[in-house]
Amino acid sequence: MSEGTKQQVFQLVVAATRQLGIGKDGSLPWKLPGDMKYFKDLTGTTSDPSKKNAVIMGRTTWESIPSKFRPLKGRHNVVLSRKRQQEQPDSTPDPSGDGPVTCSSLGTAMELLAQPPLANSIEHVFVIGGGQVYKEAIQSELCAAIHLTQIDEDYDCDTFFPKIDQSRFKLWSAASPQKDKGVRYSFLCYTATNQDEPVSLPAAMASQHEEQQYLDLVADVIKNGAVRPDRTGTGTLSLFGKQMRFNLRHSFPLLTTKRVFWRGVAEELLWFISGSTNAKRLQDKGISIWDGNASRAYLDSIGLSNREEGDLGPVYGFQWRHFGAEYKGMHADYSGQGVDQLADLISRIKSNPEDRRLILSAWNPTALPDMALPPCHLMCQFYVADGELSCQMYQRSCDLGLGVPFNIASYALLTYLIAHTCGLQPGDLVHVLGDAHVYSNHVEPLKQQMKNQPRPFP
């Protein structure tokens, strides 16, 4: 390749086991109709109907495709062959046809696709195998994304996909698992970290970045929300009954379009788990998120003038660990008093994972008058399947600008911790939002935040 020669970026498409096995004796060891359909949709669909995608494959991969399906319809087919290099020059493409076009190397194929007559007729370029082509392609700086169908079943394979370098590729999105004939698999997308511009991803991807659902919800509330007063006097825009879903199997939903106070998330959750209601314990660690509700002035304003400053009353941690016990102040010893919901929950998950009563509740109507603030995230239910623990949390009052990013991370962390304690893997976090609102003084900052491009979750 001469200096300055233009080349297309490309994306890899592969189905592999967890051990990265991709083939046996030149063919796929599995038959997954859902994966085959996804491959066809992913590589065959374009946003611009006047364009096609290109698929690049080695000669062995080309020959493994049944002849009645060759070339792959609706796509520019490019076949790599060293034999072509020995016998004759690379073939000339027909931009109106599917091919195949034969090239002697991946580099010459990429040059060909980046030049007329194909350059203006191609939307995406996909490398689809086999093993040696993948090995070369994944090392290229032109590799912008990897679309991986991760198959959970073990198969005997003799051909393997290269290990994905986590410093070069970060998980962008992951669809929920699905099954064909009892075989479970998931569609994952990794994007390269070396691209100056956001990677242009295919229109038919099975999943989007999960932060997008949060940004879409914020936009929906700002555009369509009802104008409502609130206890702070600020005013809100509000919608009722929304849901977000986060896949915890491969990454952690710590939002990236704004800074989330991770240390505060972790310290507050540990404070809940300890059963403490003393805001000073958080203050001592530099966590001030409860200071306003624990101040002398605020406690006096809600009729709790007899309460010591910093004493929040029977809030989250007390209800999790001592539900139903009489509250006697933040310094009292509550050992053995009330229902330890958290310990009971963990015991039930271990002994009877199919139980439909795996509930953790912070909403205790008889205790509400004694709380500095009634619980916003008031209940969650856990669910075990396929060795995974999922959580659905209901939040009655949802401050989209400040609270919700914090709450997503908090319940994701709680699910991880309980799953680990019970010998399970994390599954899904389902976040059900009651009154989903944006404070009027948060509208402009959130509009600015929505301009930020999400980055891969940690």
Protein backbone atom coordinates (compact mmCIF):
# COMPACT_ATOMS: atom_id res chain seq x y z
CA MET A 1 0.00 0.00 0.00
CA SER A 2 1.46 3.34 -1.01
CA GLU A 3 1.72 6.19 1.49
CA GLY A 4 -1.48 8.20 1.70
CA THR A 5 -3.66 5.51 0.07
CA LYS A 6 -7.19 5.83 1.42
CA GLN A 7 -8.73 2.81 3.14
CA GLN A 8 -12.14 2.04 4.62
CA VAL A 9 -12.57 1.25 8.28
CA PHE A 10 -14.25 -2.10 8.88
CA GLN A 11 -16.09 -4.10 11.54
CA LEU A 12 -15.78 -7.77 12.46
CA VAL A 13 -18.77 -10.09 12.73
CA VAL A 14 -18.25 -13.40 14.51
CA ALA A 15 -20.07 -16.06 16.54
CA ALA A 16 -17.93 -17.73 19.18
CA THR A 17 -18.12 -19.74 22.38
CA ARG A 18 -16.91 -18.27 25.66
CA GLN A 19 -13.57 -19.96 24.88
CA LEU A 20 -13.67 -18.12 21.50
CA GLY A 21 -14.14 -21.26 19.45
CA ILE A 22 -15.56 -20.42 16.01
CA GLY A 23 -15.37 -23.59 13.91
CA LYS A 24 -14.66 -27.28 13.55
CA ASP A 25 -13.41 -28.94 10.35
CA GLY A 26 -14.20 -25.84 8.30
CA SER A 27 -17.83 -25.46 9.41
CA LEU A 28 -19.89 -24.09 12.30
CA PRO A 29 -20.42 -26.58 15.15
CA TRP A 30 -23.86 -25.10 15.88
CA LYS A 31 -27.05 -24.20 14.08
CA LEU A 32 -28.68 -21.13 15.58
CA PRO A 33 -31.44 -19.68 13.38
CA GLY A 34 -31.60 -16.50 15.46
CA ASP A 35 -27.90 -15.87 14.97
CA MET A 36 -28.10 -16.53 11.23
CA LYS A 37 -30.97 -14.07 10.92
CA TYR A 38 -29.05 -11.50 12.92
CA PHE A 39 -26.00 -11.96 10.69
CA LYS A 40 -28.14 -11.43 7.60
CA ASP A 41 -29.85 -8.34 9.05
CA LEU A 42 -26.65 -6.84 10.47
CA THR A 43 -24.59 -7.22 7.31
CA GLY A 44 -27.41 -6.71 4.81
CA THR A 45 -29.27 -3.68 6.17
CA THR A 46 -28.29 -0.09 5.37
CA SER A 47 -29.64 3.26 6.49
CA ASP A 48 -29.25 4.60 2.95
CA PRO A 49 -31.30 2.45 0.51
CA SER A 50 -29.04 3.50 -2.36
CA LYS A 51 -26.03 1.82 -0.73
CA LYS A 52 -24.90 -1.69 0.09
CA ASN A 53 -22.61 -3.13 2.72
CA ALA A 54 -19.52 -5.15 1.83
CA VAL A 55 -18.53 -8.49 3.35
CA ILE A 56 -14.92 -9.67 3.26
CA MET A 57 -14.05 -13.31 3.84
CA GLY A 58 -11.28 -15.81 3.29
CA ARG A 59 -11.50 -18.41 0.54
CA THR A 60 -12.26 -21.24 2.99
CA THR A 61 -15.15 -19.26 4.49
CA TRP A 62 -16.48 -18.53 0.99
CA GLU A 63 -16.35 -22.21 0.08
CA SER A 64 -18.10 -23.20 3.32
CA ILE A 65 -21.19 -21.21 2.29
CA PRO A 66 -23.67 -23.46 0.43
CA SER A 67 -23.48 -22.69 -3.27
CA LYS A 68 -27.14 -21.69 -3.44
CA PHE A 69 -26.42 -18.86 -0.99
CA ARG A 70 -23.28 -17.60 -2.78
CA PRO A 71 -22.74 -14.72 -3.18
CA LEU A 72 -24.48 -13.35 -0.06
CA LYS A 73 -27.31 -11.41 -1.59
CA GLY A 74 -27.60 -7.66 -1.32
CA ARG A 75 -23.98 -7.25 -0.25
CA HIS A 76 -20.69 -6.71 -2.07
CA ASN A 77 -18.85 -10.02 -1.57
CA VAL A 78 -15.05 -9.84 -1.41
CA VAL A 79 -13.04 -13.07 -1.20
CA LEU A 80 -9.38 -13.11 -0.10
CA SER A 81 -7.13 -15.64 -1.78
CA ARG A 82 -3.34 -15.96 -1.92
CA LYS A 83 -3.86 -18.13 -4.98
CA ARG A 84 -5.34 -15.08 -6.73
CA GLN A 85 -2.12 -13.17 -6.05
CA GLN A 86 -0.06 -15.94 -7.69
CA GLU A 87 -2.22 -16.42 -10.75
CA GLN A 88 -3.70 -13.07 -11.79
CA PRO A 89 -4.39 -9.53 -10.60
CA ASP A 90 -7.25 -8.67 -8.29
CA SER A 91 -10.61 -8.72 -10.08
CA THR A 92 -12.51 -5.58 -11.00
CA PRO A 93 -15.69 -4.85 -9.00
CA ASP A 94 -19.12 -4.25 -10.43
CA PRO A 95 -20.80 -1.69 -8.14
CA SER A 96 -24.27 -2.87 -9.17
CA GLY A 97 -23.65 -6.55 -8.44
CA ASP A 98 -22.97 -8.70 -5.39
CA GLY A 99 -19.72 -10.14 -6.72
CA PRO A 100 -17.69 -11.91 -5.72
CA VAL A 101 -14.60 -9.77 -6.13
CA THR A 102 -11.35 -11.57 -5.40
CA CYS A 103 -8.42 -9.82 -3.69
CA SER A 104 -5.01 -11.09 -2.69
CA SER A 105 -4.99 -9.52 0.79
CA LEU A 106 -7.08 -7.67 3.35
CA GLY A 107 -5.12 -4.51 2.64
CA THR A 108 -5.80 -4.56 -1.10
CA ALA A 109 -9.46 -5.33 -0.41
CA MET A 110 -9.78 -2.28 1.82
CA GLU A 111 -8.06 -0.10 -0.78
CA LEU A 112 -10.40 -1.40 -3.46
CA LEU A 113 -13.52 -0.64 -1.38
CA ALA A 114 -12.31 2.88 -0.60
CA GLN A 115 -11.89 3.83 -4.27
CA PRO A 116 -14.33 4.41 -7.15
CA PRO A 117 -16.55 2.82 -8.27
CA LEU A 118 -17.36 1.25 -4.88
CA ALA A 119 -16.39 4.02 -2.47
CA ASN A 120 -19.64 5.96 -2.81
CA SER A 121 -21.90 2.91 -2.87
CA ILE A 122 -20.78 1.20 0.36
CA GLU A 123 -22.15 2.04 3.83
CA HIS A 124 -20.32 -0.46 6.07
CA VAL A 125 -17.56 -3.02 5.54
CA PHE A 126 -17.72 -6.28 7.52
CA VAL A 127 -15.00 -8.91 7.87
CA ILE A 128 -16.76 -12.25 8.43
CA GLY A 129 -13.98 -14.85 8.69
CA GLY A 130 -12.25 -17.16 8.92
CA GLY A 131 -9.67 -17.62 11.62
CA GLN A 132 -6.59 -16.29 9.85
CA VAL A 133 -8.46 -13.32 8.40
CA TYR A 134 -9.82 -12.45 11.85
CA LYS A 135 -6.31 -12.69 13.31
CA GLU A 136 -5.00 -10.15 10.82
CA ALA A 137 -8.06 -7.91 10.89
CA ILE A 138 -8.31 -7.50 14.66
CA GLN A 139 -4.73 -6.19 14.75
CA SER A 140 -5.49 -3.48 12.19
CA GLU A 141 -5.95 0.13 13.20
CA LEU A 142 -8.84 0.17 10.72
CA CYS A 143 -10.86 -2.29 12.84
CA ALA A 144 -13.56 -0.04 14.33
CA ALA A 145 -15.92 -2.55 15.98
CA ILE A 146 -16.48 -6.22 16.79
CA HIS A 147 -19.98 -7.72 16.65
CA LEU A 148 -19.76 -10.89 18.72
CA THR A 149 -22.46 -13.50 19.18
CA GLN A 150 -21.35 -15.02 22.48
CA ILE A 151 -22.52 -18.63 22.72
CA ASP A 152 -22.77 -19.99 26.24
CA GLU A 153 -22.66 -23.68 25.24
CA ASP A 154 -19.36 -25.56 25.00
CA TYR A 155 -18.51 -26.97 21.56
CA ASP A 156 -15.51 -28.89 20.28
CA CYS A 157 -13.66 -26.40 18.06
CA ASP A 158 -10.38 -26.41 16.18
CA THR A 159 -10.51 -22.79 15.00
CA PHE A 160 -10.55 -19.84 17.37
CA PHE A 161 -11.17 -16.12 17.32
CA PRO A 162 -8.31 -14.00 18.74
CA LYS A 163 -8.61 -12.79 22.31
CA ILE A 164 -10.17 -9.32 22.41
CA ASP A 165 -7.70 -6.77 23.77
CA GLN A 166 -9.72 -4.89 26.39
CA SER A 167 -7.35 -1.93 26.16
CA ARG A 168 -8.20 -1.51 22.45
CA PHE A 169 -11.86 -2.52 22.43
CA LYS A 170 -14.53 -1.63 24.99
CA LEU A 171 -17.99 -3.15 25.29
CA TRP A 172 -20.48 -0.73 23.72
CA SER A 173 -23.72 -2.66 24.08
CA ALA A 174 -25.09 -6.10 24.93
CA ALA A 175 -28.50 -7.49 24.09
CA SER A 176 -30.35 -9.70 26.56
CA PRO A 177 -29.63 -13.42 26.09
CA GLN A 178 -31.90 -15.54 23.92
CA LYS A 179 -32.16 -19.26 23.22
CA ASP A 180 -32.41 -21.52 20.17
CA LYS A 181 -33.07 -25.20 20.93
CA GLY A 182 -31.85 -24.70 24.48
CA VAL A 183 -28.60 -22.99 23.46
CA ARG A 184 -28.21 -19.57 25.05
CA TYR A 185 -26.39 -16.75 23.30
CA SER A 186 -26.08 -12.97 23.38
CA PHE A 187 -25.28 -10.28 20.81
CA LEU A 188 -22.43 -8.04 21.97
CA CYS A 189 -20.78 -5.05 20.33
CA TYR A 190 -17.27 -3.80 21.12
CA THR A 191 -15.96 -0.53 19.72
CA ALA A 192 -12.36 0.51 19.19
CA THR A 193 -10.83 3.09 21.49
CA ASN A 194 -8.51 4.50 18.81
CA GLN A 195 -11.18 6.16 16.65
CA ASP A 196 -11.15 9.96 16.62
CA GLU A 197 -14.84 10.14 15.77
CA PRO A 198 -17.71 8.06 17.20
CA VAL A 199 -17.92 4.75 15.36
CA SER A 200 -20.73 4.56 12.80
CA LEU A 201 -22.56 1.37 13.77
CA PRO A 202 -24.96 -0.68 11.63
CA ALA A 203 -28.65 0.17 11.53
CA ALA A 204 -29.69 -3.40 12.39
CA MET A 205 -27.72 -3.80 15.63
CA ALA A 206 -29.57 -5.85 18.25
CA SER A 207 -28.88 -3.35 21.01
CA GLN A 208 -27.99 0.28 21.55
CA HIS A 209 -25.85 1.80 24.26
CA GLU A 210 -27.97 1.43 27.39
CA GLU A 211 -27.34 5.02 28.46
CA GLN A 212 -29.37 6.11 25.44
CA GLN A 213 -32.60 5.01 27.12
CA TYR A 214 -31.84 7.41 29.98
CA LEU A 215 -31.09 10.26 27.56
CA ASP A 216 -34.26 9.48 25.58
CA LEU A 217 -36.31 9.53 28.79
CA VAL A 218 -34.88 12.90 29.78
CA ALA A 219 -35.69 14.29 26.33
CA ASP A 220 -39.22 12.87 26.51
CA VAL A 221 -39.89 14.45 29.91
CA ILE A 222 -38.53 17.84 28.81
CA LYS A 223 -40.62 17.77 25.63
CA ASN A 224 -43.84 16.15 26.85
CA GLY A 225 -43.84 16.33 30.64
CA ALA A 226 -46.72 17.80 32.62
CA VAL A 227 -45.91 20.97 34.54
CA ARG A 228 -46.27 20.16 38.23
CA PRO A 229 -45.45 21.86 41.54
CA ASP A 230 -43.26 20.10 44.11
CA ARG A 231 -42.34 20.37 47.79
CA THR A 232 -39.20 22.39 47.03
CA GLY A 233 -41.15 25.12 45.21
CA THR A 234 -38.92 24.81 42.14
CA GLY A 235 -41.42 23.20 39.79
CA THR A 236 -40.99 20.14 37.59
CA LEU A 237 -41.81 18.58 34.25
CA SER A 238 -43.08 15.07 34.88
CA LEU A 239 -44.19 11.83 33.20
CA PHE A 240 -45.58 8.78 34.96
CA GLY A 241 -44.79 5.10 34.63
CA LYS A 242 -41.49 4.64 32.76
CA GLN A 243 -38.97 1.81 32.66
CA MET A 244 -35.28 1.29 31.94
CA ARG A 245 -33.43 -2.01 31.67
CA PHE A 246 -29.70 -2.59 32.18
CA ASN A 247 -27.74 -5.73 31.36
CA LEU A 248 -25.32 -6.41 34.23
CA ARG A 249 -23.68 -9.49 32.71
CA HIS A 250 -20.85 -7.75 30.91
CA SER A 251 -20.57 -4.19 32.27
CA PHE A 252 -21.73 -1.83 35.01
CA PRO A 253 -24.27 0.96 34.30
CA LEU A 254 -22.36 3.97 35.59
CA LEU A 255 -23.57 6.75 33.31
CA THR A 256 -20.92 8.45 31.20
CA THR A 257 -22.57 11.63 29.87
CA LYS A 258 -22.24 13.16 33.34
CA ARG A 259 -20.04 12.55 36.33
CA VAL A 260 -21.66 10.17 38.84
CA PHE A 261 -20.38 10.34 42.43
CA TRP A 262 -19.23 6.71 42.58
CA ARG A 263 -17.67 6.91 46.05
CA GLY A 264 -20.92 8.35 47.32
CA VAL A 265 -22.87 5.50 45.69
CA ALA A 266 -20.72 2.85 47.34
CA GLU A 267 -20.52 4.49 50.77
CA GLU A 268 -24.26 5.17 50.95
CA LEU A 269 -25.12 1.59 49.97
CA LEU A 270 -22.77 0.19 52.61
CA TRP A 271 -24.39 2.60 55.09
CA PHE A 272 -27.82 1.22 54.16
CA ILE A 273 -26.57 -2.35 54.52
CA SER A 274 -25.17 -1.58 57.96
CA GLY A 275 -28.63 -0.48 59.12
CA SER A 276 -27.38 2.95 60.18
CA THR A 277 -29.62 6.01 60.25
CA ASN A 278 -26.88 8.38 61.38
CA ALA A 279 -26.00 10.90 58.64
CA LYS A 280 -22.86 11.88 60.55
CA ARG A 281 -21.28 8.55 59.62
CA LEU A 282 -21.45 9.62 55.98
CA GLN A 283 -20.35 13.16 56.81
CA ASP A 284 -17.22 11.76 58.48
CA LYS A 285 -16.33 10.18 55.14
CA GLY A 286 -16.92 13.37 53.19
CA ILE A 287 -20.34 12.24 51.89
CA SER A 288 -22.82 15.11 52.22
CA ILE A 289 -25.79 13.80 50.24
CA TRP A 290 -27.98 13.48 53.37
CA ASP A 291 -26.85 16.68 55.10
CA GLY A 292 -29.84 18.75 54.05
CA ASN A 293 -32.41 16.28 55.41
CA ALA A 294 -30.40 15.75 58.60
CA SER A 295 -29.89 19.43 59.50
CA ARG A 296 -31.36 21.01 62.61
CA ALA A 297 -33.38 23.49 60.60
CA TYR A 298 -34.91 20.82 58.34
CA LEU A 299 -35.80 18.44 61.18
CA ASP A 300 -37.48 21.32 63.03
CA SER A 301 -39.39 22.32 59.88
CA ILE A 302 -41.04 18.89 59.59
CA GLY A 303 -41.97 18.60 63.28
CA LEU A 304 -39.02 16.46 64.44
CA SER A 305 -37.58 19.06 66.80
CA ASN A 306 -36.99 16.38 69.44
CA ARG A 307 -34.70 14.51 67.03
CA GLU A 308 -30.93 14.90 67.39
CA GLU A 309 -29.28 16.60 64.43
CA GLY A 310 -28.03 13.98 62.01
CA ASP A 311 -30.67 11.44 63.04
CA LEU A 312 -32.72 10.64 59.94
CA GLY A 313 -35.16 8.30 61.65
CA PRO A 314 -36.15 4.82 60.45
CA VAL A 315 -35.08 5.30 56.83
CA TYR A 316 -33.71 2.77 54.31
CA GLY A 317 -31.11 0.92 56.36
CA PHE A 318 -33.39 0.59 59.39
CA GLN A 319 -36.20 -0.87 57.27
CA TRP A 320 -33.83 -3.27 55.49
CA ARG A 321 -32.38 -4.62 58.74
CA HIS A 322 -35.03 -3.99 61.44
CA PHE A 323 -38.41 -3.68 59.72
CA GLY A 324 -41.21 -3.29 62.26
CA ALA A 325 -38.99 -2.51 65.26
CA GLU A 326 -39.79 0.52 67.41
CA TYR A 327 -37.44 3.36 66.52
CA LYS A 328 -35.60 4.81 69.55
CA GLY A 329 -32.97 6.96 67.91
CA MET A 330 -29.81 6.52 65.90
CA HIS A 331 -27.67 5.43 68.88
CA ALA A 332 -29.91 2.60 70.11
CA ASP A 333 -28.94 -1.06 69.79
CA TYR A 334 -31.49 -2.87 67.62
CA SER A 335 -29.86 -6.29 67.65
CA GLY A 336 -32.48 -8.99 67.19
CA GLN A 337 -35.30 -6.47 66.78
CA GLY A 338 -37.67 -6.34 63.83
CA VAL A 339 -37.29 -8.31 60.59
CA ASP A 340 -33.83 -8.42 59.01
CA GLN A 341 -35.11 -8.34 55.45
CA LEU A 342 -31.67 -8.35 53.86
CA ALA A 343 -30.46 -11.45 55.72
CA ASP A 344 -33.78 -13.17 55.06
CA LEU A 345 -33.58 -12.27 51.37
CA ILE A 346 -30.10 -13.77 51.02
CA SER A 347 -31.18 -16.91 52.87
CA ARG A 348 -34.21 -17.34 50.59
CA ILE A 349 -32.15 -16.84 47.43
CA LYS A 350 -29.73 -19.55 48.57
CA SER A 351 -32.35 -22.04 49.78
CA ASN A 352 -35.23 -21.43 47.38
CA PRO A 353 -34.10 -19.37 44.37
CA GLU A 354 -37.45 -19.87 42.57
CA ASP A 355 -39.29 -18.12 45.43
CA ARG A 356 -41.53 -15.31 44.14
CA ARG A 357 -41.25 -13.49 47.46
CA LEU A 358 -37.67 -12.29 47.13
CA ILE A 359 -38.62 -8.79 48.21
CA LEU A 360 -36.74 -5.98 49.94
CA SER A 361 -38.96 -3.08 51.04
CA ALA A 362 -38.16 0.30 52.58
CA TRP A 363 -41.81 1.47 52.58
CA ASN A 364 -43.29 1.11 56.06
CA PRO A 365 -46.44 3.27 56.37
CA THR A 366 -46.44 3.23 60.17
CA ALA A 367 -42.87 4.57 60.27
CA LEU A 368 -43.22 7.27 57.60
CA PRO A 369 -44.02 10.12 60.08
CA ASP A 370 -40.72 9.46 61.87
CA MET A 371 -38.59 9.56 58.72
CA ALA A 372 -36.72 12.69 57.68
CA LEU A 373 -37.59 11.70 54.10
CA PRO A 374 -39.91 8.89 52.95
CA PRO A 375 -38.06 6.41 50.72
CA CYS A 376 -37.96 7.30 47.03
CA HIS A 377 -36.68 3.90 45.88
CA LEU A 378 -39.05 1.95 48.01
CA MET A 379 -39.04 -1.69 46.93
CA CYS A 380 -37.14 -4.22 44.87
CA GLN A 381 -37.80 -7.80 43.84
CA PHE A 382 -35.10 -10.31 42.96
CA TYR A 383 -35.30 -13.16 40.45
CA VAL A 384 -32.99 -16.12 39.82
CA ALA A 385 -32.69 -17.97 36.49
CA ASP A 386 -29.81 -19.63 34.60
CA GLY A 387 -27.47 -19.04 37.52
CA GLU A 388 -28.07 -15.27 37.38
CA LEU A 389 -29.63 -12.81 39.81
CA SER A 390 -31.78 -10.00 38.45
CA CYS A 391 -33.37 -7.10 40.30
CA GLN A 392 -36.45 -4.99 39.58
CA MET A 393 -36.61 -1.78 41.59
CA TYR A 394 -39.60 0.52 41.94
CA GLN A 395 -38.90 4.19 42.52
CA ARG A 396 -41.86 6.43 43.33
CA SER A 397 -40.06 9.78 42.93
CA CYS A 398 -37.37 10.01 40.28
CA ASP A 399 -35.17 13.10 39.93
CA LEU A 400 -33.76 12.43 36.48
CA GLY A 401 -31.06 15.08 36.66
CA LEU A 402 -29.41 14.21 39.97
CA GLY A 403 -30.95 11.20 41.68
CA VAL A 404 -31.64 8.62 38.98
CA PRO A 405 -28.03 8.17 37.70
CA PHE A 406 -27.03 7.61 41.35
CA ASN A 407 -29.92 5.19 41.95
CA ILE A 408 -29.12 3.12 38.84
CA ALA A 409 -25.56 2.60 40.05
CA SER A 410 -26.65 1.89 43.62
CA TYR A 411 -29.07 -0.92 42.77
CA ALA A 412 -26.69 -2.35 40.18
CA LEU A 413 -24.07 -2.54 42.92
CA LEU A 414 -26.56 -4.08 45.36
CA THR A 415 -27.39 -6.75 42.77
CA TYR A 416 -23.70 -7.49 42.20
CA LEU A 417 -23.07 -7.82 45.95
CA ILE A 418 -26.03 -10.10 46.63
CA ALA A 419 -25.26 -12.20 43.55
CA HIS A 420 -21.67 -12.67 44.71
CA THR A 421 -22.81 -13.55 48.24
CA CYS A 422 -25.19 -16.18 46.85
CA GLY A 423 -22.76 -17.70 44.34
CA LEU A 424 -24.62 -16.29 41.34
CA GLN A 425 -23.79 -14.04 38.40
CA PRO A 426 -25.53 -10.67 37.92
CA GLY A 427 -28.32 -10.63 35.33
CA ASP A 428 -30.56 -7.63 34.65
CA LEU A 429 -31.50 -4.48 36.53
CA VAL A 430 -35.01 -3.29 35.71
CA HIS A 431 -35.70 0.25 36.91
CA VAL A 432 -39.40 1.14 37.15
CA LEU A 433 -40.00 4.86 37.53
CA GLY A 434 -43.22 6.28 38.96
CA ASP A 435 -43.07 10.08 38.85
CA ALA A 436 -40.13 10.65 36.49
CA HIS A 437 -39.38 14.36 36.64
CA VAL A 438 -36.94 17.09 35.65
CA TYR A 439 -36.68 20.15 37.89
CA SER A 440 -37.16 23.38 35.97
CA ASN A 441 -33.70 24.61 36.93
CA HIS A 442 -32.17 21.36 35.55
CA VAL A 443 -33.63 21.67 32.05
CA GLU A 444 -30.79 23.63 30.46
CA PRO A 445 -27.97 21.62 32.10
CA LEU A 446 -29.67 18.41 30.96
CA LYS A 447 -29.98 19.75 27.41
CA GLN A 448 -26.24 20.28 27.45
CA GLN A 449 -25.69 16.79 28.87
CA MET A 450 -27.77 15.27 26.07
CA LYS A 451 -25.23 16.61 23.58
CA ASN A 452 -22.56 14.40 25.11
CA GLN A 453 -21.79 11.12 23.35
CA PRO A 454 -22.10 8.08 25.66
CA ARG A 455 -18.89 6.17 26.24
CA PRO A 456 -18.51 2.46 27.07
CA PHE A 457 -19.65 1.51 30.57
CA PRO A 458 -16.97 0.22 32.95
